[in-house]
Amino acid sequence: MNQRLPEWLTIRVPRPDTIKQVEQMMRSKNLHTVCESARCPNLPECWSKKTATFMILGDTCTRSCGFCAIKVGRGLTVNPHEPSDVAKVAADLGLKHIVVTSVARDDLPDQGAGQFGLTIQELHKQNPLCIVEVLTPDFKGNRDCVQTVCDAKPEIFNHNIETVERLHTLVRPQAKYNRTLSVLKMVKEIHPSIYTKSGIMLGLGETREEIIETLQDLRDAGVDAVTIGQYLRPTMRHLPVVEYIHPHVFKEYEVIGSEMGFAFVASGPFVRSSYNAVEFSKKVMGDRLSQLDEFERAKYIKDLEDQAEQHAAV
């Protein structure tokens, strides 16, 4: 049963000018964002500061998860210009950390892995020093698909476990808990230098013990970073919120995750997979800075910090 929305989940709505500018840039290239399609509560804040998570391979998903607002149906035709268009808009926005996700495309022979690879390559080509983070579906656990994405060398490979094992059949009926863990392990086996990341939603009826067990399972799979956020029901057709978790509980999980050895833990009511993503870059991507001279390094850090401020929690 849904409860009254607590005061800590109140969203500040910023001025709309830059939101419109980002929207126009996306529409001009016929690009999609998960911010819109998933009805993310952080959209006004992020778009007002020229940050967005690109969603490739259309806006229609071939899976129907109980928590997700993205429309379900037959996948759209793959756009061959999409990789270069994404890279162009990312460059125009001046992004140093670029997040690319997609709908699940179980209808495609490679489940969309090829389009991920091309997009990563184009982003690095047009933005040589950018950090590319991909948030992928599970590709049904197909190692060749994971290999295709990894071979394009994203700096960060994110794949969300979403919830505890007991709730998987309810929350992600077409996914599997252990398959998610296997995909994250594959990344480390294929390219150990790629950072791995995963995310968990709270408030679906999980217990504290189950959350800690899930965090440990992710750590045992070699995951470097984890995000923990509050599940918010996007429409009345979706799973109800069982519990609104207090911010101090999120802080407790942040401490627990850090003690487990994660390189980065972002935990809070409004935390989402790509929210505060730049902070992870600042913490673990020091090798990128070694490629630059002193002046370039100072400018790069300043640009990255500016983008991190744009992702700061409400």
C-alpha atoms as a PDB file:
ATOM      1  CA  MET A   1       0.000   0.000   0.000  1.00  0.00           C
ATOM      2  CA  ASN A   2       1.334   3.450  -0.920  1.00  0.00           C
ATOM      3  CA  GLN A   3       2.133   5.839   1.906  1.00  0.00           C
ATOM      4  CA  ARG A   4       2.039   9.615   1.966  1.00  0.00           C
ATOM      5  CA  LEU A   5       5.124  11.091   0.286  1.00  0.00           C
ATOM      6  CA  PRO A   6       7.548  12.175   3.059  1.00  0.00           C
ATOM      7  CA  GLU A   7       8.991  15.682   3.146  1.00  0.00           C
ATOM      8  CA  TRP A   8      12.508  14.548   2.175  1.00  0.00           C
ATOM      9  CA  LEU A   9      11.170  13.496  -1.240  1.00  0.00           C
ATOM     10  CA  THR A  10      10.080  17.028  -2.169  1.00  0.00           C
ATOM     11  CA  ILE A  11      11.668  18.128  -5.460  1.00  0.00           C
ATOM     12  CA  ARG A  12      12.815  21.674  -6.181  1.00  0.00           C
ATOM     13  CA  VAL A  13      11.818  22.638  -9.716  1.00  0.00           C
ATOM     14  CA  PRO A  14      14.397  24.910 -11.399  1.00  0.00           C
ATOM     15  CA  ARG A  15      13.916  27.451 -14.167  1.00  0.00           C
ATOM     16  CA  PRO A  16      12.761  25.916 -17.456  1.00  0.00           C
ATOM     17  CA  ASP A  17      15.018  27.764 -19.957  1.00  0.00           C
ATOM     18  CA  THR A  18      17.897  25.267 -20.058  1.00  0.00           C
ATOM     19  CA  ILE A  19      15.471  22.340 -19.807  1.00  0.00           C
ATOM     20  CA  LYS A  20      13.950  23.510 -23.090  1.00  0.00           C
ATOM     21  CA  GLN A  21      17.402  23.936 -24.628  1.00  0.00           C
ATOM     22  CA  VAL A  22      18.412  20.350 -23.800  1.00  0.00           C
ATOM     23  CA  GLU A  23      15.054  19.069 -25.029  1.00  0.00           C
ATOM     24  CA  GLN A  24      15.488  20.908 -28.342  1.00  0.00           C
ATOM     25  CA  MET A  25      18.981  19.471 -28.801  1.00  0.00           C
ATOM     26  CA  MET A  26      17.684  15.950 -28.220  1.00  0.00           C
ATOM     27  CA  ARG A  27      14.699  16.383 -30.535  1.00  0.00           C
ATOM     28  CA  SER A  28      16.835  17.927 -33.301  1.00  0.00           C
ATOM     29  CA  LYS A  29      18.733  14.628 -33.561  1.00  0.00           C
ATOM     30  CA  ASN A  30      15.685  12.462 -32.764  1.00  0.00           C
ATOM     31  CA  LEU A  31      17.458  11.151 -29.666  1.00  0.00           C
ATOM     32  CA  HIS A  32      15.854   9.665 -26.574  1.00  0.00           C
ATOM     33  CA  THR A  33      16.791   9.976 -22.915  1.00  0.00           C
ATOM     34  CA  VAL A  34      16.014   7.586 -20.093  1.00  0.00           C
ATOM     35  CA  CYS A  35      15.310  10.721 -18.044  1.00  0.00           C
ATOM     36  CA  GLU A  36      12.079  11.255 -20.007  1.00  0.00           C
ATOM     37  CA  SER A  37      11.119   7.678 -20.781  1.00  0.00           C
ATOM     38  CA  ALA A  38      11.556   6.413 -17.212  1.00  0.00           C
ATOM     39  CA  ARG A  39       9.976   9.563 -15.716  1.00  0.00           C
ATOM     40  CA  CYS A  40      13.042  10.188 -13.564  1.00  0.00           C
ATOM     41  CA  PRO A  41      12.365  12.588 -10.657  1.00  0.00           C
ATOM     42  CA  ASN A  42      15.770  14.210 -11.220  1.00  0.00           C
ATOM     43  CA  LEU A  43      14.999  15.350 -14.789  1.00  0.00           C
ATOM     44  CA  PRO A  44      14.251  19.026 -13.980  1.00  0.00           C
ATOM     45  CA  GLU A  45      17.437  19.396 -11.955  1.00  0.00           C
ATOM     46  CA  CYS A  46      19.738  17.558 -14.360  1.00  0.00           C
ATOM     47  CA  TRP A  47      18.335  19.048 -17.563  1.00  0.00           C
ATOM     48  CA  SER A  48      18.463  22.546 -16.131  1.00  0.00           C
ATOM     49  CA  LYS A  49      22.215  21.966 -15.808  1.00  0.00           C
ATOM     50  CA  LYS A  50      22.714  20.408 -19.247  1.00  0.00           C
ATOM     51  CA  THR A  51      23.131  16.803 -18.136  1.00  0.00           C
ATOM     52  CA  ALA A  52      21.184  13.824 -19.423  1.00  0.00           C
ATOM     53  CA  THR A  53      21.509  10.067 -19.894  1.00  0.00           C
ATOM     54  CA  PHE A  54      21.259   9.089 -23.551  1.00  0.00           C
ATOM     55  CA  MET A  55      19.012   6.130 -24.351  1.00  0.00           C
ATOM     56  CA  ILE A  56      19.910   4.388 -27.600  1.00  0.00           C
ATOM     57  CA  LEU A  57      18.013   1.814 -29.684  1.00  0.00           C
ATOM     58  CA  GLY A  58      14.675   3.608 -29.468  1.00  0.00           C
ATOM     59  CA  ASP A  59      12.194   4.281 -26.695  1.00  0.00           C
ATOM     60  CA  THR A  60      10.314   0.963 -26.734  1.00  0.00           C
ATOM     61  CA  CYS A  61      11.464  -1.957 -24.581  1.00  0.00           C
ATOM     62  CA  THR A  62      10.915  -5.642 -25.316  1.00  0.00           C
ATOM     63  CA  ARG A  63      10.645  -6.425 -21.585  1.00  0.00           C
ATOM     64  CA  SER A  64       8.045  -5.418 -19.016  1.00  0.00           C
ATOM     65  CA  CYS A  65       9.518  -4.788 -15.574  1.00  0.00           C
ATOM     66  CA  GLY A  66       7.154  -3.975 -12.729  1.00  0.00           C
ATOM     67  CA  PHE A  67       8.969  -0.779 -11.725  1.00  0.00           C
ATOM     68  CA  CYS A  68       9.804   0.828 -15.077  1.00  0.00           C
ATOM     69  CA  ALA A  69       7.804   3.482 -16.964  1.00  0.00           C
ATOM     70  CA  ILE A  70       9.474   2.926 -20.351  1.00  0.00           C
ATOM     71  CA  LYS A  71       6.883   1.790 -22.894  1.00  0.00           C
ATOM     72  CA  VAL A  72       6.818  -1.858 -23.878  1.00  0.00           C
ATOM     73  CA  GLY A  73       6.323  -3.286 -27.349  1.00  0.00           C
ATOM     74  CA  ARG A  74       8.076  -4.084 -30.596  1.00  0.00           C
ATOM     75  CA  GLY A  75      11.528  -2.533 -30.866  1.00  0.00           C
ATOM     76  CA  LEU A  76      12.100   0.356 -33.284  1.00  0.00           C
ATOM     77  CA  THR A  77      14.327   0.176 -36.355  1.00  0.00           C
ATOM     78  CA  VAL A  78      17.970   0.715 -35.397  1.00  0.00           C
ATOM     79  CA  ASN A  79      19.149   4.162 -36.503  1.00  0.00           C
ATOM     80  CA  PRO A  80      22.621   3.964 -38.136  1.00  0.00           C
ATOM     81  CA  HIS A  81      23.217   7.676 -37.447  1.00  0.00           C
ATOM     82  CA  GLU A  82      22.466   7.384 -33.745  1.00  0.00           C
ATOM     83  CA  PRO A  83      26.077   6.804 -32.534  1.00  0.00           C
ATOM     84  CA  SER A  84      27.417   9.948 -34.244  1.00  0.00           C
ATOM     85  CA  ASP A  85      24.348  11.984 -33.245  1.00  0.00           C
ATOM     86  CA  VAL A  86      24.796  11.047 -29.585  1.00  0.00           C
ATOM     87  CA  ALA A  87      28.473  12.017 -29.759  1.00  0.00           C
ATOM     88  CA  LYS A  88      27.643  15.352 -31.401  1.00  0.00           C
ATOM     89  CA  VAL A  89      25.071  16.335 -28.772  1.00  0.00           C
ATOM     90  CA  ALA A  90      27.415  15.210 -25.960  1.00  0.00           C
ATOM     91  CA  ALA A  91      30.124  17.450 -27.412  1.00  0.00           C
ATOM     92  CA  ASP A  92      27.699  20.363 -27.765  1.00  0.00           C
ATOM     93  CA  LEU A  93      26.698  19.944 -24.109  1.00  0.00           C
ATOM     94  CA  GLY A  94      30.381  19.944 -23.140  1.00  0.00           C
ATOM     95  CA  LEU A  95      30.132  16.664 -21.222  1.00  0.00           C
ATOM     96  CA  LYS A  96      33.258  15.057 -19.775  1.00  0.00           C
ATOM     97  CA  HIS A  97      31.341  12.095 -18.350  1.00  0.00           C
ATOM     98  CA  ILE A  98      28.769  10.622 -20.737  1.00  0.00           C
ATOM     99  CA  VAL A  99      26.218   7.985 -19.736  1.00  0.00           C
ATOM    100  CA  VAL A 100      24.590   5.803 -22.410  1.00  0.00           C
ATOM    101  CA  THR A 101      21.845   3.309 -21.677  1.00  0.00           C
ATOM    102  CA  SER A 102      19.256   1.483 -23.792  1.00  0.00           C
ATOM    103  CA  VAL A 103      15.972  -0.319 -23.750  1.00  0.00           C
ATOM    104  CA  ALA A 104      16.181  -4.119 -23.806  1.00  0.00           C
ATOM    105  CA  ARG A 105      16.265  -5.342 -27.413  1.00  0.00           C
ATOM    106  CA  ASP A 106      15.714  -9.091 -27.182  1.00  0.00           C
ATOM    107  CA  ASP A 107      14.389  -8.890 -30.760  1.00  0.00           C
ATOM    108  CA  LEU A 108      17.812  -8.110 -32.272  1.00  0.00           C
ATOM    109  CA  PRO A 109      20.358 -10.833 -33.122  1.00  0.00           C
ATOM    110  CA  ASP A 110      23.019  -9.075 -31.006  1.00  0.00           C
ATOM    111  CA  GLN A 111      20.449  -7.617 -28.556  1.00  0.00           C
ATOM    112  CA  GLY A 112      21.802  -4.157 -29.330  1.00  0.00           C
ATOM    113  CA  ALA A 113      25.403  -4.782 -28.258  1.00  0.00           C
ATOM    114  CA  GLY A 114      26.731  -3.628 -31.639  1.00  0.00           C
ATOM    115  CA  GLN A 115      25.010  -0.249 -31.329  1.00  0.00           C
ATOM    116  CA  PHE A 116      26.515   0.185 -27.877  1.00  0.00           C
ATOM    117  CA  GLY A 117      29.967  -0.550 -29.318  1.00  0.00           C
ATOM    118  CA  LEU A 118      29.570   1.928 -32.182  1.00  0.00           C
ATOM    119  CA  THR A 119      28.279   4.635 -29.837  1.00  0.00           C
ATOM    120  CA  ILE A 120      31.198   4.205 -27.440  1.00  0.00           C
ATOM    121  CA  GLN A 121      33.678   4.403 -30.325  1.00  0.00           C
ATOM    122  CA  GLU A 122      32.037   7.513 -31.753  1.00  0.00           C
ATOM    123  CA  LEU A 123      31.976   9.216 -28.360  1.00  0.00           C
ATOM    124  CA  HIS A 124      35.691   8.614 -27.886  1.00  0.00           C
ATOM    125  CA  LYS A 125      36.369   9.763 -31.445  1.00  0.00           C
ATOM    126  CA  GLN A 126      34.493  13.057 -31.108  1.00  0.00           C
ATOM    127  CA  ASN A 127      35.365  13.594 -27.413  1.00  0.00           C
ATOM    128  CA  PRO A 128      38.845  12.038 -26.979  1.00  0.00           C
ATOM    129  CA  LEU A 129      39.178  12.634 -23.236  1.00  0.00           C
ATOM    130  CA  CYS A 130      35.598  11.886 -22.239  1.00  0.00           C
ATOM    131  CA  ILE A 131      34.669   9.159 -19.777  1.00  0.00           C
ATOM    132  CA  VAL A 132      32.006   6.859 -21.217  1.00  0.00           C
ATOM    133  CA  GLU A 133      29.718   4.952 -18.882  1.00  0.00           C
ATOM    134  CA  VAL A 134      27.312   2.408 -20.345  1.00  0.00           C
ATOM    135  CA  LEU A 135      24.254   1.114 -18.503  1.00  0.00           C
ATOM    136  CA  THR A 136      23.320  -2.040 -20.363  1.00  0.00           C
ATOM    137  CA  PRO A 137      20.594  -4.695 -20.279  1.00  0.00           C
ATOM    138  CA  ASP A 138      21.731  -8.222 -19.414  1.00  0.00           C
ATOM    139  CA  PHE A 139      21.973  -9.407 -23.064  1.00  0.00           C
ATOM    140  CA  LYS A 140      20.443 -12.673 -21.731  1.00  0.00           C
ATOM    141  CA  GLY A 141      23.865 -13.429 -20.299  1.00  0.00           C
ATOM    142  CA  ASN A 142      25.394 -13.793 -23.797  1.00  0.00           C
ATOM    143  CA  ARG A 143      29.163 -13.490 -23.422  1.00  0.00           C
ATOM    144  CA  ASP A 144      29.679 -12.469 -27.068  1.00  0.00           C
ATOM    145  CA  CYS A 145      27.390  -9.472 -26.545  1.00  0.00           C
ATOM    146  CA  VAL A 146      29.218  -8.449 -23.381  1.00  0.00           C
ATOM    147  CA  GLN A 147      32.512  -8.884 -25.265  1.00  0.00           C
ATOM    148  CA  THR A 148      31.307  -6.576 -28.066  1.00  0.00           C
ATOM    149  CA  VAL A 149      30.574  -3.787 -25.593  1.00  0.00           C
ATOM    150  CA  CYS A 150      33.776  -4.324 -23.630  1.00  0.00           C
ATOM    151  CA  ASP A 151      35.932  -4.351 -26.765  1.00  0.00           C
ATOM    152  CA  ALA A 152      34.780  -0.787 -27.492  1.00  0.00           C
ATOM    153  CA  LYS A 153      36.440   0.106 -24.154  1.00  0.00           C
ATOM    154  CA  PRO A 154      33.924   2.072 -22.115  1.00  0.00           C
ATOM    155  CA  GLU A 155      35.530   3.338 -18.941  1.00  0.00           C
ATOM    156  CA  ILE A 156      32.587   2.161 -16.817  1.00  0.00           C
ATOM    157  CA  PHE A 157      30.227  -0.783 -17.441  1.00  0.00           C
ATOM    158  CA  ASN A 158      27.034  -0.453 -15.405  1.00  0.00           C
ATOM    159  CA  HIS A 159      24.377  -3.137 -15.161  1.00  0.00           C
ATOM    160  CA  ASN A 160      21.750  -2.832 -12.436  1.00  0.00           C
ATOM    161  CA  ILE A 161      20.712  -5.702 -10.201  1.00  0.00           C
ATOM    162  CA  GLU A 162      17.736  -3.500  -9.154  1.00  0.00           C
ATOM    163  CA  THR A 163      16.476  -5.518  -6.173  1.00  0.00           C
ATOM    164  CA  VAL A 164      17.169  -8.419  -3.831  1.00  0.00           C
ATOM    165  CA  GLU A 165      17.001 -12.013  -5.060  1.00  0.00           C
ATOM    166  CA  ARG A 166      13.659 -12.825  -3.392  1.00  0.00           C
ATOM    167  CA  LEU A 167      11.834 -10.020  -5.217  1.00  0.00           C
ATOM    168  CA  HIS A 168      13.308 -10.595  -8.670  1.00  0.00           C
ATOM    169  CA  THR A 169      10.403 -12.520 -10.163  1.00  0.00           C
ATOM    170  CA  LEU A 170       8.059  -9.714  -9.085  1.00  0.00           C
ATOM    171  CA  VAL A 171      10.229  -6.730 -10.019  1.00  0.00           C
ATOM    172  CA  ARG A 172      12.166  -8.096 -13.030  1.00  0.00           C
ATOM    173  CA  PRO A 173      10.209 -11.112 -14.328  1.00  0.00           C
ATOM    174  CA  GLN A 174      12.315 -11.430 -17.508  1.00  0.00           C
ATOM    175  CA  ALA A 175      15.661 -11.073 -15.742  1.00  0.00           C
ATOM    176  CA  LYS A 176      17.562 -13.218 -13.283  1.00  0.00           C
ATOM    177  CA  TYR A 177      19.506 -12.255 -10.180  1.00  0.00           C
ATOM    178  CA  ASN A 178      22.404 -14.622 -10.834  1.00  0.00           C
ATOM    179  CA  ARG A 179      22.506 -13.704 -14.524  1.00  0.00           C
ATOM    180  CA  THR A 180      23.077 -10.068 -13.584  1.00  0.00           C
ATOM    181  CA  LEU A 181      25.948 -11.107 -11.323  1.00  0.00           C
ATOM    182  CA  SER A 182      27.397 -13.261 -14.122  1.00  0.00           C
ATOM    183  CA  VAL A 183      27.331 -10.349 -16.597  1.00  0.00           C
ATOM    184  CA  LEU A 184      29.229  -8.136 -14.152  1.00  0.00           C
ATOM    185  CA  LYS A 185      31.767 -10.926 -13.576  1.00  0.00           C
ATOM    186  CA  MET A 186      32.189 -11.363 -17.352  1.00  0.00           C
ATOM    187  CA  VAL A 187      33.191  -7.729 -17.758  1.00  0.00           C
ATOM    188  CA  LYS A 188      36.028  -8.140 -15.279  1.00  0.00           C
ATOM    189  CA  GLU A 189      37.118 -11.391 -16.937  1.00  0.00           C
ATOM    190  CA  ILE A 190      37.131  -9.853 -20.423  1.00  0.00           C
ATOM    191  CA  HIS A 191      38.651  -6.443 -19.603  1.00  0.00           C
ATOM    192  CA  PRO A 192      39.765  -6.161 -15.954  1.00  0.00           C
ATOM    193  CA  SER A 193      40.582  -2.452 -16.424  1.00  0.00           C
ATOM    194  CA  ILE A 194      36.923  -1.539 -17.027  1.00  0.00           C
ATOM    195  CA  TYR A 195      35.215  -0.342 -13.859  1.00  0.00           C
ATOM    196  CA  THR A 196      31.952  -2.126 -13.068  1.00  0.00           C
ATOM    197  CA  LYS A 197      28.924  -0.624 -11.395  1.00  0.00           C
ATOM    198  CA  SER A 198      25.441  -1.697 -10.318  1.00  0.00           C
ATOM    199  CA  GLY A 199      22.378  -0.208  -8.653  1.00  0.00           C
ATOM    200  CA  ILE A 200      19.692  -1.213  -6.152  1.00  0.00           C
ATOM    201  CA  MET A 201      16.220   0.268  -5.486  1.00  0.00           C
ATOM    202  CA  LEU A 202      14.848   0.275  -1.949  1.00  0.00           C
ATOM    203  CA  GLY A 203      11.247   0.393  -0.760  1.00  0.00           C
ATOM    204  CA  LEU A 204       9.864  -2.675  -2.548  1.00  0.00           C
ATOM    205  CA  GLY A 205       9.607  -4.839   0.575  1.00  0.00           C
ATOM    206  CA  GLU A 206      13.201  -5.997   0.945  1.00  0.00           C
ATOM    207  CA  THR A 207      14.763  -6.516   4.386  1.00  0.00           C
ATOM    208  CA  ARG A 208      17.974  -5.018   5.735  1.00  0.00           C
ATOM    209  CA  GLU A 209      19.613  -8.451   5.719  1.00  0.00           C
ATOM    210  CA  GLU A 210      18.681  -8.962   2.063  1.00  0.00           C
ATOM    211  CA  ILE A 211      20.113  -5.583   1.089  1.00  0.00           C
ATOM    212  CA  ILE A 212      23.412  -6.335   2.807  1.00  0.00           C
ATOM    213  CA  GLU A 213      23.492  -9.778   1.168  1.00  0.00           C
ATOM    214  CA  THR A 214      22.917  -8.197  -2.254  1.00  0.00           C
ATOM    215  CA  LEU A 215      25.703  -5.682  -1.672  1.00  0.00           C
ATOM    216  CA  GLN A 216      28.033  -8.519  -0.693  1.00  0.00           C
ATOM    217  CA  ASP A 217      27.059 -10.537  -3.786  1.00  0.00           C
ATOM    218  CA  LEU A 218      27.902  -7.512  -5.965  1.00  0.00           C
ATOM    219  CA  ARG A 219      31.216  -7.027  -4.218  1.00  0.00           C
ATOM    220  CA  ASP A 220      32.030 -10.734  -4.603  1.00  0.00           C
ATOM    221  CA  ALA A 221      31.355 -10.301  -8.338  1.00  0.00           C
ATOM    222  CA  GLY A 222      34.096  -7.664  -8.451  1.00  0.00           C
ATOM    223  CA  VAL A 223      31.783  -4.664  -8.744  1.00  0.00           C
ATOM    224  CA  ASP A 224      33.615  -1.384  -8.102  1.00  0.00           C
ATOM    225  CA  ALA A 225      30.734   1.053  -7.554  1.00  0.00           C
ATOM    226  CA  VAL A 226      27.159   0.805  -6.350  1.00  0.00           C
ATOM    227  CA  THR A 227      24.190   3.182  -6.296  1.00  0.00           C
ATOM    228  CA  ILE A 228      21.307   2.825  -3.830  1.00  0.00           C
ATOM    229  CA  GLY A 229      18.092   4.823  -4.250  1.00  0.00           C
ATOM    230  CA  GLN A 230      14.417   5.005  -3.335  1.00  0.00           C
ATOM    231  CA  TYR A 231      11.908   3.308  -5.635  1.00  0.00           C
ATOM    232  CA  LEU A 232       9.168   5.743  -6.666  1.00  0.00           C
ATOM    233  CA  ARG A 233       6.048   4.448  -8.390  1.00  0.00           C
ATOM    234  CA  PRO A 234       5.924   6.043 -11.871  1.00  0.00           C
ATOM    235  CA  THR A 235       2.208   5.311 -12.496  1.00  0.00           C
ATOM    236  CA  MET A 236      -0.647   3.465 -10.789  1.00  0.00           C
ATOM    237  CA  ARG A 237      -0.040   0.538 -13.159  1.00  0.00           C
ATOM    238  CA  HIS A 238       3.353  -0.116 -11.604  1.00  0.00           C
ATOM    239  CA  LEU A 239       4.407  -1.795  -8.385  1.00  0.00           C
ATOM    240  CA  PRO A 240       3.366   0.112  -5.249  1.00  0.00           C
ATOM    241  CA  VAL A 241       5.902   1.554  -2.836  1.00  0.00           C
ATOM    242  CA  VAL A 242       5.997  -0.619   0.274  1.00  0.00           C
ATOM    243  CA  GLU A 243       8.159   1.739   2.308  1.00  0.00           C
ATOM    244  CA  TYR A 244       9.823   5.152   2.046  1.00  0.00           C
ATOM    245  CA  ILE A 245      13.334   4.788   3.421  1.00  0.00           C
ATOM    246  CA  HIS A 246      14.639   7.607   5.627  1.00  0.00           C
ATOM    247  CA  PRO A 247      17.816   9.390   4.438  1.00  0.00           C
ATOM    248  CA  HIS A 248      19.755   8.323   7.542  1.00  0.00           C
ATOM    249  CA  VAL A 249      19.146   4.653   6.603  1.00  0.00           C
ATOM    250  CA  PHE A 250      20.600   5.332   3.158  1.00  0.00           C
ATOM    251  CA  LYS A 251      23.653   6.800   4.891  1.00  0.00           C
ATOM    252  CA  GLU A 252      24.008   3.608   6.908  1.00  0.00           C
ATOM    253  CA  TYR A 253      24.063   1.536   3.700  1.00  0.00           C
ATOM    254  CA  GLU A 254      26.648   3.918   2.261  1.00  0.00           C
ATOM    255  CA  VAL A 255      28.919   3.203   5.230  1.00  0.00           C
ATOM    256  CA  ILE A 256      28.305  -0.542   4.979  1.00  0.00           C
ATOM    257  CA  GLY A 257      29.123  -0.512   1.252  1.00  0.00           C
ATOM    258  CA  SER A 258      32.310   1.448   1.804  1.00  0.00           C
ATOM    259  CA  GLU A 259      33.395  -0.989   4.524  1.00  0.00           C
ATOM    260  CA  MET A 260      32.810  -3.880   2.094  1.00  0.00           C
ATOM    261  CA  GLY A 261      35.429  -2.360  -0.208  1.00  0.00           C
ATOM    262  CA  PHE A 262      33.458  -0.679  -2.986  1.00  0.00           C
ATOM    263  CA  ALA A 263      35.504   2.117  -4.581  1.00  0.00           C
ATOM    264  CA  PHE A 264      32.403   4.303  -4.649  1.00  0.00           C
ATOM    265  CA  VAL A 265      28.976   4.172  -3.002  1.00  0.00           C
ATOM    266  CA  ALA A 266      26.182   6.669  -3.735  1.00  0.00           C
ATOM    267  CA  SER A 267      23.206   6.134  -1.437  1.00  0.00           C
ATOM    268  CA  GLY A 268      20.212   8.416  -0.968  1.00  0.00           C
ATOM    269  CA  PRO A 269      16.501   8.793  -1.795  1.00  0.00           C
ATOM    270  CA  PHE A 270      17.091  10.503  -5.150  1.00  0.00           C
ATOM    271  CA  VAL A 271      20.159   8.508  -6.202  1.00  0.00           C
ATOM    272  CA  ARG A 272      19.752   6.850  -9.594  1.00  0.00           C
ATOM    273  CA  SER A 273      22.159   4.861 -11.786  1.00  0.00           C
ATOM    274  CA  SER A 274      23.656   7.878 -13.525  1.00  0.00           C
ATOM    275  CA  TYR A 275      22.962  10.457 -10.814  1.00  0.00           C
ATOM    276  CA  ASN A 276      26.256  11.630  -9.243  1.00  0.00           C
ATOM    277  CA  ALA A 277      28.042   9.563 -11.898  1.00  0.00           C
ATOM    278  CA  VAL A 278      30.697  12.249 -12.262  1.00  0.00           C
ATOM    279  CA  GLU A 279      31.696  11.850  -8.615  1.00  0.00           C
ATOM    280  CA  PHE A 280      32.693   8.275  -9.397  1.00  0.00           C
ATOM    281  CA  SER A 281      34.848   9.619 -12.248  1.00  0.00           C
ATOM    282  CA  LYS A 282      36.644  11.995  -9.923  1.00  0.00           C
ATOM    283  CA  LYS A 283      37.336   9.222  -7.428  1.00  0.00           C
ATOM    284  CA  VAL A 284      38.576   6.355  -9.595  1.00  0.00           C
ATOM    285  CA  MET A 285      39.573   7.735 -13.007  1.00  0.00           C
ATOM    286  CA  GLY A 286      42.935   9.193 -12.001  1.00  0.00           C
ATOM    287  CA  ASP A 287      44.710   7.333 -14.806  1.00  0.00           C
ATOM    288  CA  ARG A 288      42.997   9.593 -17.338  1.00  0.00           C
ATOM    289  CA  LEU A 289      44.679  12.636 -15.780  1.00  0.00           C
ATOM    290  CA  SER A 290      48.135  11.124 -16.178  1.00  0.00           C
ATOM    291  CA  GLN A 291      47.788  11.603 -19.948  1.00  0.00           C
ATOM    292  CA  LEU A 292      47.615  15.390 -19.590  1.00  0.00           C
ATOM    293  CA  ASP A 293      50.154  18.126 -18.934  1.00  0.00           C
ATOM    294  CA  GLU A 294      49.752  20.359 -15.877  1.00  0.00           C
ATOM    295  CA  PHE A 295      47.599  22.998 -17.584  1.00  0.00           C
ATOM    296  CA  GLU A 296      45.330  20.453 -19.301  1.00  0.00           C
ATOM    297  CA  ARG A 297      45.038  18.481 -16.051  1.00  0.00           C
ATOM    298  CA  ALA A 298      43.893  21.559 -14.122  1.00  0.00           C
ATOM    299  CA  LYS A 299      41.331  22.440 -16.806  1.00  0.00           C
ATOM    300  CA  TYR A 300      40.066  18.861 -17.024  1.00  0.00           C
ATOM    301  CA  ILE A 301      39.586  18.639 -13.251  1.00  0.00           C
ATOM    302  CA  LYS A 302      37.767  21.992 -13.251  1.00  0.00           C
ATOM    303  CA  ASP A 303      35.423  20.846 -16.062  1.00  0.00           C
ATOM    304  CA  LEU A 304      34.779  17.558 -14.293  1.00  0.00           C
ATOM    305  CA  GLU A 305      34.072  19.315 -10.999  1.00  0.00           C
ATOM    306  CA  ASP A 306      31.663  21.699 -12.747  1.00  0.00           C
ATOM    307  CA  GLN A 307      29.794  18.706 -14.145  1.00  0.00           C
ATOM    308  CA  ALA A 308      29.844  17.014 -10.724  1.00  0.00           C
ATOM    309  CA  GLU A 309      28.188  20.078  -9.203  1.00  0.00           C
ATOM    310  CA  GLN A 310      25.473  19.757 -11.802  1.00  0.00           C
ATOM    311  CA  HIS A 311      24.754  16.250 -10.464  1.00  0.00           C
ATOM    312  CA  ALA A 312      24.852  17.246  -6.776  1.00  0.00           C
ATOM    313  CA  ALA A 313      22.038  15.762  -4.704  1.00  0.00           C
ATOM    314  CA  VAL A 314      18.976  17.911  -3.973  1.00  0.00           C
END
